[in-house]
PDB file of N, CA and C in Angstrom:
ATOM      1  N   MET A   1     117.413   9.956 302.613  1.00  0.00           N
ATOM      2  CA  MET A   1     118.534   9.057 302.503  1.00  0.00           C
ATOM      3  C   MET A   1     118.760   8.414 303.864  1.00  0.00           C
ATOM      4  N   SER A   2     118.958   7.141 303.865  1.00  0.00           N
ATOM      5  CA  SER A   2     119.263   6.464 305.121  1.00  0.00           C
ATOM      6  C   SER A   2     120.510   5.616 304.938  1.00  0.00           C
ATOM      7  N   LEU A   3     121.293   5.554 305.984  1.00  0.00           N
ATOM      8  CA  LEU A   3     122.507   4.741 305.992  1.00  0.00           C
ATOM      9  C   LEU A   3     122.297   3.558 306.912  1.00  0.00           C
ATOM     10  N   PRO A   4     122.904   2.424 306.584  1.00  0.00           N
ATOM     11  CA  PRO A   4     122.878   1.319 307.535  1.00  0.00           C
ATOM     12  C   PRO A   4     123.538   1.771 308.842  1.00  0.00           C
ATOM     13  N   GLN A   5     123.122   1.176 309.953  1.00  0.00           N
ATOM     14  CA  GLN A   5     123.571   1.647 311.253  1.00  0.00           C
ATOM     15  C   GLN A   5     125.094   1.644 311.431  1.00  0.00           C
ATOM     16  N   PRO A   6     125.833   0.587 311.058  1.00  0.00           N
ATOM     17  CA  PRO A   6     127.290   0.638 311.299  1.00  0.00           C
ATOM     18  C   PRO A   6     127.996   1.803 310.596  1.00  0.00           C
ATOM     19  N   PRO A   7     127.742   2.041 309.299  1.00  0.00           N
ATOM     20  CA  PRO A   7     128.413   3.201 308.681  1.00  0.00           C
ATOM     21  C   PRO A   7     127.944   4.528 309.277  1.00  0.00           C
ATOM     22  N   ALA A   8     126.668   4.624 309.631  1.00  0.00           N
ATOM     23  CA  ALA A   8     126.159   5.865 310.214  1.00  0.00           C
ATOM     24  C   ALA A   8     126.827   6.134 311.561  1.00  0.00           C
ATOM     25  N   CYS A   9     126.971   5.111 312.378  1.00  0.00           N
ATOM     26  CA  CYS A   9     127.635   5.279 313.680  1.00  0.00           C
ATOM     27  C   CYS A   9     129.095   5.672 313.491  1.00  0.00           C
ATOM     28  N   HIS A  10     129.762   5.049 312.531  1.00  0.00           N
ATOM     29  CA  HIS A  10     131.166   5.385 312.268  1.00  0.00           C
ATOM     30  C   HIS A  10     131.288   6.836 311.796  1.00  0.00           C
ATOM     31  N   LEU A  11     130.390   7.233 310.898  1.00  0.00           N
ATOM     32  CA  LEU A  11     130.412   8.606 310.397  1.00  0.00           C
ATOM     33  C   LEU A  11     130.172   9.600 311.526  1.00  0.00           C
ATOM     34  N   LEU A  12     129.209   9.305 312.384  1.00  0.00           N
ATOM     35  CA  LEU A  12     128.922  10.202 313.501  1.00  0.00           C
ATOM     36  C   LEU A  12     130.106  10.291 314.457  1.00  0.00           C
ATOM     37  N   ARG A  13     130.745   9.164 314.772  1.00  0.00           N
ATOM     38  CA  ARG A  13     131.930   9.186 315.649  1.00  0.00           C
ATOM     39  C   ARG A  13     133.035  10.029 315.030  1.00  0.00           C
ATOM     40  N   THR A  14     133.204   9.908 313.711  1.00  0.00           N
ATOM     41  CA  THR A  14     134.229  10.694 313.020  1.00  0.00           C
ATOM     42  C   THR A  14     133.903  12.187 313.091  1.00  0.00           C
ATOM     43  N   LEU A  15     132.642  12.543 312.864  1.00  0.00           N
ATOM     44  CA  LEU A  15     132.244  13.951 312.939  1.00  0.00           C
ATOM     45  C   LEU A  15     132.444  14.510 314.342  1.00  0.00           C
ATOM     46  N   VAL A  16     132.139  13.716 315.371  1.00  0.00           N
ATOM     47  CA  VAL A  16     132.353  14.153 316.748  1.00  0.00           C
ATOM     48  C   VAL A  16     133.842  14.297 317.019  1.00  0.00           C
ATOM     49  N   HIS A  17     134.622  13.315 316.581  1.00  0.00           N
ATOM     50  CA  HIS A  17     136.076  13.350 316.797  1.00  0.00           C
ATOM     51  C   HIS A  17     136.709  14.583 316.165  1.00  0.00           C
ATOM     52  N   ASP A  18     136.231  14.950 314.958  1.00  0.00           N
ATOM     53  CA  ASP A  18     136.793  16.086 314.223  1.00  0.00           C
ATOM     54  C   ASP A  18     136.130  17.414 314.574  1.00  0.00           C
ATOM     55  N   ALA A  19     135.232  17.403 315.561  1.00  0.00           N
ATOM     56  CA  ALA A  19     134.560  18.599 316.102  1.00  0.00           C
ATOM     57  C   ALA A  19     133.540  19.216 315.141  1.00  0.00           C
ATOM     58  N   TYR A  20     133.043  18.451 314.167  1.00  0.00           N
ATOM     59  CA  TYR A  20     131.964  18.945 313.307  1.00  0.00           C
ATOM     60  C   TYR A  20     130.603  18.678 313.946  1.00  0.00           C
ATOM     61  N   ALA A  21     130.578  17.803 314.948  1.00  0.00           N
ATOM     62  CA  ALA A  21     129.369  17.509 315.715  1.00  0.00           C
ATOM     63  C   ALA A  21     129.785  17.287 317.169  1.00  0.00           C
ATOM     64  N   ARG A  22     128.794  17.398 318.073  1.00  0.00           N
ATOM     65  CA  ARG A  22     129.031  17.117 319.487  1.00  0.00           C
ATOM     66  C   ARG A  22     128.124  15.973 319.895  1.00  0.00           C
ATOM     67  N   LYS A  23     128.517  15.250 320.918  1.00  0.00           N
ATOM     68  CA  LYS A  23     127.669  14.175 321.428  1.00  0.00           C
ATOM     69  C   LYS A  23     127.130  14.597 322.784  1.00  0.00           C
ATOM     70  N   LEU A  24     125.804  14.606 322.891  1.00  0.00           N
ATOM     71  CA  LEU A  24     125.152  14.981 324.137  1.00  0.00           C
ATOM     72  C   LEU A  24     124.844  13.727 324.957  1.00  0.00           C
ATOM     73  N   ASP A  25     124.646  13.923 326.243  1.00  0.00           N
ATOM     74  CA  ASP A  25     124.339  12.802 327.136  1.00  0.00           C
ATOM     75  C   ASP A  25     123.063  12.080 326.737  1.00  0.00           C
ATOM     76  N   ASP A  26     122.108  12.808 326.153  1.00  0.00           N
ATOM     77  CA  ASP A  26     120.838  12.184 325.757  1.00  0.00           C
ATOM     78  C   ASP A  26     120.908  11.497 324.397  1.00  0.00           C
ATOM     79  N   GLY A  27     122.116  11.477 323.788  1.00  0.00           N
ATOM     80  CA  GLY A  27     122.295  10.817 322.491  1.00  0.00           C
ATOM     81  C   GLY A  27     122.184  11.749 321.308  1.00  0.00           C
ATOM     82  N   GLY A  28     121.821  12.993 321.551  1.00  0.00           N
ATOM     83  CA  GLY A  28     121.733  13.961 320.465  1.00  0.00           C
ATOM     84  C   GLY A  28     123.105  14.345 319.940  1.00  0.00           C
ATOM     85  N   SER A  29     123.127  14.855 318.715  1.00  0.00           N
ATOM     86  CA  SER A  29     124.396  15.255 318.089  1.00  0.00           C
ATOM     87  C   SER A  29     124.228  16.580 317.360  1.00  0.00           C
ATOM     88  N   PRO A  30     124.244  17.692 318.094  1.00  0.00           N
ATOM     89  CA  PRO A  30     124.144  19.002 317.440  1.00  0.00           C
ATOM     90  C   PRO A  30     125.461  19.359 316.746  1.00  0.00           C
ATOM     91  N   PRO A  31     125.430  20.386 315.900  1.00  0.00           N
ATOM     92  CA  PRO A  31     126.673  20.816 315.232  1.00  0.00           C
ATOM     93  C   PRO A  31     127.759  21.175 316.249  1.00  0.00           C
ATOM     94  N   GLY A  32     128.996  20.900 315.885  1.00  0.00           N
ATOM     95  CA  GLY A  32     130.137  21.210 316.737  1.00  0.00           C
ATOM     96  C   GLY A  32     130.773  22.543 316.380  1.00  0.00           C
ATOM     97  N   ASP A  33     131.908  22.803 316.990  1.00  0.00           N
ATOM     98  CA  ASP A  33     132.597  24.086 316.801  1.00  0.00           C
ATOM     99  C   ASP A  33     133.040  24.309 315.362  1.00  0.00           C
ATOM    100  N   LYS A  34     133.475  23.277 314.675  1.00  0.00           N
ATOM    101  CA  LYS A  34     133.968  23.457 313.303  1.00  0.00           C
ATOM    102  C   LYS A  34     132.851  23.740 312.312  1.00  0.00           C
ATOM    103  N   GLN A  35     131.611  23.449 312.685  1.00  0.00           N
ATOM    104  CA  GLN A  35     130.498  23.761 311.787  1.00  0.00           C
ATOM    105  C   GLN A  35     130.458  25.256 311.478  1.00  0.00           C
ATOM    106  N   GLN A  36     130.760  26.067 312.470  1.00  0.00           N
ATOM    107  CA  GLN A  36     130.793  27.524 312.260  1.00  0.00           C
ATOM    108  C   GLN A  36     131.842  27.896 311.223  1.00  0.00           C
ATOM    109  N   LEU A  37     132.976  27.197 311.237  1.00  0.00           N
ATOM    110  CA  LEU A  37     134.017  27.471 310.239  1.00  0.00           C
ATOM    111  C   LEU A  37     133.506  27.190 308.834  1.00  0.00           C
ATOM    112  N   LEU A  38     132.746  26.107 308.684  1.00  0.00           N
ATOM    113  CA  LEU A  38     132.188  25.793 307.364  1.00  0.00           C
ATOM    114  C   LEU A  38     131.198  26.863 306.933  1.00  0.00           C
ATOM    115  N   ASP A  39     130.354  27.300 307.877  1.00  0.00           N
ATOM    116  CA  ASP A  39     129.389  28.360 307.556  1.00  0.00           C
ATOM    117  C   ASP A  39     130.105  29.645 307.160  1.00  0.00           C
ATOM    118  N   ASP A  40     131.142  30.013 307.923  1.00  0.00           N
ATOM    119  CA  ASP A  40     131.899  31.231 307.627  1.00  0.00           C
ATOM    120  C   ASP A  40     132.581  31.138 306.266  1.00  0.00           C
ATOM    121  N   ALA A  41     133.151  29.975 305.967  1.00  0.00           N
ATOM    122  CA  ALA A  41     133.832  29.793 304.676  1.00  0.00           C
ATOM    123  C   ALA A  41     132.837  29.920 303.531  1.00  0.00           C
ATOM    124  N   GLY A  42     131.645  29.377 303.709  1.00  0.00           N
ATOM    125  CA  GLY A  42     130.613  29.495 302.675  1.00  0.00           C
ATOM    126  C   GLY A  42     130.203  30.935 302.440  1.00  0.00           C
ATOM    127  N   ARG A  43     130.065  31.693 303.527  1.00  0.00           N
ATOM    128  CA  ARG A  43     129.715  33.109 303.380  1.00  0.00           C
ATOM    129  C   ARG A  43     130.837  33.883 302.691  1.00  0.00           C
ATOM    130  N   ARG A  44     132.086  33.570 303.051  1.00  0.00           N
ATOM    131  CA  ARG A  44     133.221  34.256 302.394  1.00  0.00           C
ATOM    132  C   ARG A  44     133.246  33.945 300.907  1.00  0.00           C
ATOM    133  N   GLN A  45     132.978  32.682 300.540  1.00  0.00           N
ATOM    134  CA  GLN A  45     132.974  32.319 299.124  1.00  0.00           C
ATOM    135  C   GLN A  45     131.852  33.035 298.378  1.00  0.00           C
ATOM    136  N   ALA A  46     130.683  33.131 299.003  1.00  0.00           N
ATOM    137  CA  ALA A  46     129.566  33.828 298.359  1.00  0.00           C
ATOM    138  C   ALA A  46     129.891  35.307 298.177  1.00  0.00           C
ATOM    139  N   LEU A  47     130.482  35.920 299.189  1.00  0.00           N
ATOM    140  CA  LEU A  47     130.872  37.327 299.081  1.00  0.00           C
ATOM    141  C   LEU A  47     131.913  37.510 297.985  1.00  0.00           C
ATOM    142  N   LEU A  48     132.891  36.620 297.930  1.00  0.00           N
ATOM    143  CA  LEU A  48     133.937  36.713 296.907  1.00  0.00           C
ATOM    144  C   LEU A  48     133.335  36.593 295.510  1.00  0.00           C
ATOM    145  N   ARG A  49     132.357  35.704 295.323  1.00  0.00           N
ATOM    146  CA  ARG A  49     131.702  35.592 294.009  1.00  0.00           C
ATOM    147  C   ARG A  49     130.996  36.886 293.634  1.00  0.00           C
ATOM    148  N   ARG A  50     130.295  37.496 294.615  1.00  0.00           N
ATOM    149  CA  ARG A  50     129.606  38.760 294.331  1.00  0.00           C
ATOM    150  C   ARG A  50     130.587  39.870 293.997  1.00  0.00           C
ATOM    151  N   VAL A  51     131.676  39.950 294.749  1.00  0.00           N
ATOM    152  CA  VAL A  51     132.683  40.984 294.497  1.00  0.00           C
ATOM    153  C   VAL A  51     133.298  40.786 293.119  1.00  0.00           C
ATOM    154  N   ARG A  52     133.620  39.550 292.776  1.00  0.00           N
ATOM    155  CA  ARG A  52     134.209  39.288 291.451  1.00  0.00           C
ATOM    156  C   ARG A  52     133.257  39.677 290.331  1.00  0.00           C
ATOM    157  N   ARG A  53     131.967  39.355 290.483  1.00  0.00           N
ATOM    158  CA  ARG A  53     130.992  39.737 289.448  1.00  0.00           C
ATOM    159  C   ARG A  53     130.924  41.248 289.307  1.00  0.00           C
ATOM    160  N   THR A  54     130.898  41.947 290.433  1.00  0.00           N
ATOM    161  CA  THR A  54     130.833  43.413 290.408  1.00  0.00           C
ATOM    162  C   THR A  54     132.081  43.998 289.764  1.00  0.00           C
ATOM    163  N   LEU A  55     133.250  43.495 290.171  1.00  0.00           N
ATOM    164  CA  LEU A  55     134.494  44.005 289.591  1.00  0.00           C
ATOM    165  C   LEU A  55     134.595  43.690 288.102  1.00  0.00           C
ATOM    166  N   ALA A  56     134.138  42.534 287.699  1.00  0.00           N
ATOM    167  CA  ALA A  56     134.159  42.183 286.276  1.00  0.00           C
ATOM    168  C   ALA A  56     133.249  43.123 285.485  1.00  0.00           C
ATOM    169  N   ALA A  57     132.090  43.456 286.057  1.00  0.00           N
ATOM    170  CA  ALA A  57     131.189  44.391 285.375  1.00  0.00           C
ATOM    171  C   ALA A  57     131.839  45.762 285.254  1.00  0.00           C
ATOM    172  N   ARG A  58     132.490  46.227 286.312  1.00  0.00           N
ATOM    173  CA  ARG A  58     133.176  47.525 286.266  1.00  0.00           C
ATOM    174  C   ARG A  58     134.321  47.492 285.256  1.00  0.00           C
ATOM    175  N   ARG A  59     135.050  46.382 285.218  1.00  0.00           N
ATOM    176  CA  ARG A  59     136.136  46.240 284.244  1.00  0.00           C
ATOM    177  C   ARG A  59     135.582  46.374 282.832  1.00  0.00           C
ATOM    178  N   ASP A  60     134.459  45.704 282.572  1.00  0.00           N
ATOM    179  CA  ASP A  60     133.859  45.760 281.245  1.00  0.00           C
ATOM    180  C   ASP A  60     133.401  47.178 280.900  1.00  0.00           C
ATOM    181  N   GLU A  61     132.809  47.863 281.883  1.00  0.00           N
ATOM    182  CA  GLU A  61     132.398  49.247 281.652  1.00  0.00           C
ATOM    183  C   GLU A  61     133.588  50.143 281.360  1.00  0.00           C
ATOM    184  N   LEU A  62     134.653  49.966 282.149  1.00  0.00           N
ATOM    185  CA  LEU A  62     135.842  50.803 281.964  1.00  0.00           C
ATOM    186  C   LEU A  62     136.554  50.499 280.658  1.00  0.00           C
ATOM    187  N   SER A  63     136.637  49.229 280.305  1.00  0.00           N
ATOM    188  CA  SER A  63     137.354  48.903 279.072  1.00  0.00           C
ATOM    189  C   SER A  63     136.598  49.394 277.850  1.00  0.00           C
ATOM    190  N   THR A  64     135.294  49.507 277.954  1.00  0.00           N
ATOM    191  CA  THR A  64     134.507  50.062 276.856  1.00  0.00           C
ATOM    192  C   THR A  64     134.771  51.563 276.734  1.00  0.00           C
ATOM    193  N   ALA A  65     134.881  52.236 277.883  1.00  0.00           N
ATOM    194  CA  ALA A  65     135.049  53.687 277.882  1.00  0.00           C
ATOM    195  C   ALA A  65     136.504  54.117 277.667  1.00  0.00           C
ATOM    196  N   ALA A  66     137.441  53.265 278.037  1.00  0.00           N
ATOM    197  CA  ALA A  66     138.854  53.642 277.975  1.00  0.00           C
ATOM    198  C   ALA A  66     139.482  53.175 276.668  1.00  0.00           C
ATOM    199  N   SER A  67     140.619  53.726 276.361  1.00  0.00           N
ATOM    200  CA  SER A  67     141.342  53.264 275.177  1.00  0.00           C
ATOM    201  C   SER A  67     141.889  51.869 275.445  1.00  0.00           C
ATOM    202  N   ALA A  68     142.262  51.168 274.406  1.00  0.00           N
ATOM    203  CA  ALA A  68     142.734  49.785 274.542  1.00  0.00           C
ATOM    204  C   ALA A  68     143.965  49.694 275.440  1.00  0.00           C
ATOM    205  N   ARG A  69     144.844  50.662 275.384  1.00  0.00           N
ATOM    206  CA  ARG A  69     146.072  50.581 276.196  1.00  0.00           C
ATOM    207  C   ARG A  69     145.825  50.908 277.662  1.00  0.00           C
ATOM    208  N   ARG A  70     144.665  51.478 277.986  1.00  0.00           N
ATOM    209  CA  ARG A  70     144.384  51.846 279.373  1.00  0.00           C
ATOM    210  C   ARG A  70     143.296  50.979 279.995  1.00  0.00           C
ATOM    211  N   GLY A  71     142.816  49.962 279.286  1.00  0.00           N
ATOM    212  CA  GLY A  71     141.763  49.103 279.813  1.00  0.00           C
ATOM    213  C   GLY A  71     142.275  48.166 280.905  1.00  0.00           C
ATOM    214  N   ILE A  72     141.366  47.614 281.641  1.00  0.00           N
ATOM    215  CA  ILE A  72     141.717  46.644 282.680  1.00  0.00           C
ATOM    216  C   ILE A  72     141.737  45.273 282.025  1.00  0.00           C
ATOM    217  N   ALA A  73     142.856  44.572 282.156  1.00  0.00           N
ATOM    218  CA  ALA A  73     143.012  43.287 281.483  1.00  0.00           C
ATOM    219  C   ALA A  73     142.360  42.150 282.256  1.00  0.00           C
ATOM    220  N   GLU A  74     142.519  42.113 283.566  1.00  0.00           N
ATOM    221  CA  GLU A  74     142.027  40.981 284.345  1.00  0.00           C
ATOM    222  C   GLU A  74     141.894  41.374 285.799  1.00  0.00           C
ATOM    223  N   ILE A  75     141.018  40.696 286.515  1.00  0.00           N
ATOM    224  CA  ILE A  75     140.870  40.878 287.958  1.00  0.00           C
ATOM    225  C   ILE A  75     141.444  39.644 288.618  1.00  0.00           C
ATOM    226  N   VAL A  76     142.356  39.827 289.554  1.00  0.00           N
ATOM    227  CA  VAL A  76     142.984  38.694 290.231  1.00  0.00           C
ATOM    228  C   VAL A  76     142.910  38.906 291.741  1.00  0.00           C
ATOM    229  N   ASP A  77     142.984  37.783 292.482  1.00  0.00           N
ATOM    230  CA  ASP A  77     142.979  37.869 293.939  1.00  0.00           C
ATOM    231  C   ASP A  77     144.276  38.463 294.480  1.00  0.00           C
ATOM    232  N   GLY A  78     145.358  38.229 293.785  1.00  0.00           N
ATOM    233  CA  GLY A  78     146.671  38.724 294.215  1.00  0.00           C
ATOM    234  C   GLY A  78     147.695  38.376 293.156  1.00  0.00           C
ATOM    235  N   PRO A  79     148.929  38.853 293.308  1.00  0.00           N
ATOM    236  CA  PRO A  79     149.923  38.619 292.265  1.00  0.00           C
ATOM    237  C   PRO A  79     150.283  37.151 292.075  1.00  0.00           C
ATOM    238  N   ARG A  80     150.064  36.327 293.087  1.00  0.00           N
ATOM    239  CA  ARG A  80     150.411  34.907 292.973  1.00  0.00           C
ATOM    240  C   ARG A  80     149.199  34.004 292.830  1.00  0.00           C
ATOM    241  N   ARG A  81     148.012  34.586 292.834  1.00  0.00           N
ATOM    242  CA  ARG A  81     146.794  33.774 292.751  1.00  0.00           C
ATOM    243  C   ARG A  81     145.793  34.419 291.807  1.00  0.00           C
ATOM    244  N   PRO A  82     145.872  34.087 290.518  1.00  0.00           N
ATOM    245  CA  PRO A  82     144.918  34.655 289.546  1.00  0.00           C
ATOM    246  C   PRO A  82     143.501  34.249 289.876  1.00  0.00           C
ATOM    247  N   GLY A  83     142.560  35.078 289.505  1.00  0.00           N
ATOM    248  CA  GLY A  83     141.139  34.838 289.790  1.00  0.00           C
ATOM    249  C   GLY A  83     140.536  33.728 289.033  1.00  0.00           C
TER     250      GLY A  83
END
């Protein structure tokens, strides 16, 4: 994919301004400080998906083994944020 030069330059300036990229003296633009935040957020989301799958499997196992009144109804992140 290639962008015309004016939009590409504007996009790069915006990324540098918002700290997602850095501008080097030689014209290079490596990832900036906020790039790490994006990487960390992606890893947290992947971990959360794995944990939810595991907990859902355990819920299913327990609800099969337990009586209907003692089964696990749902897995949620917290009382104010359902899964």
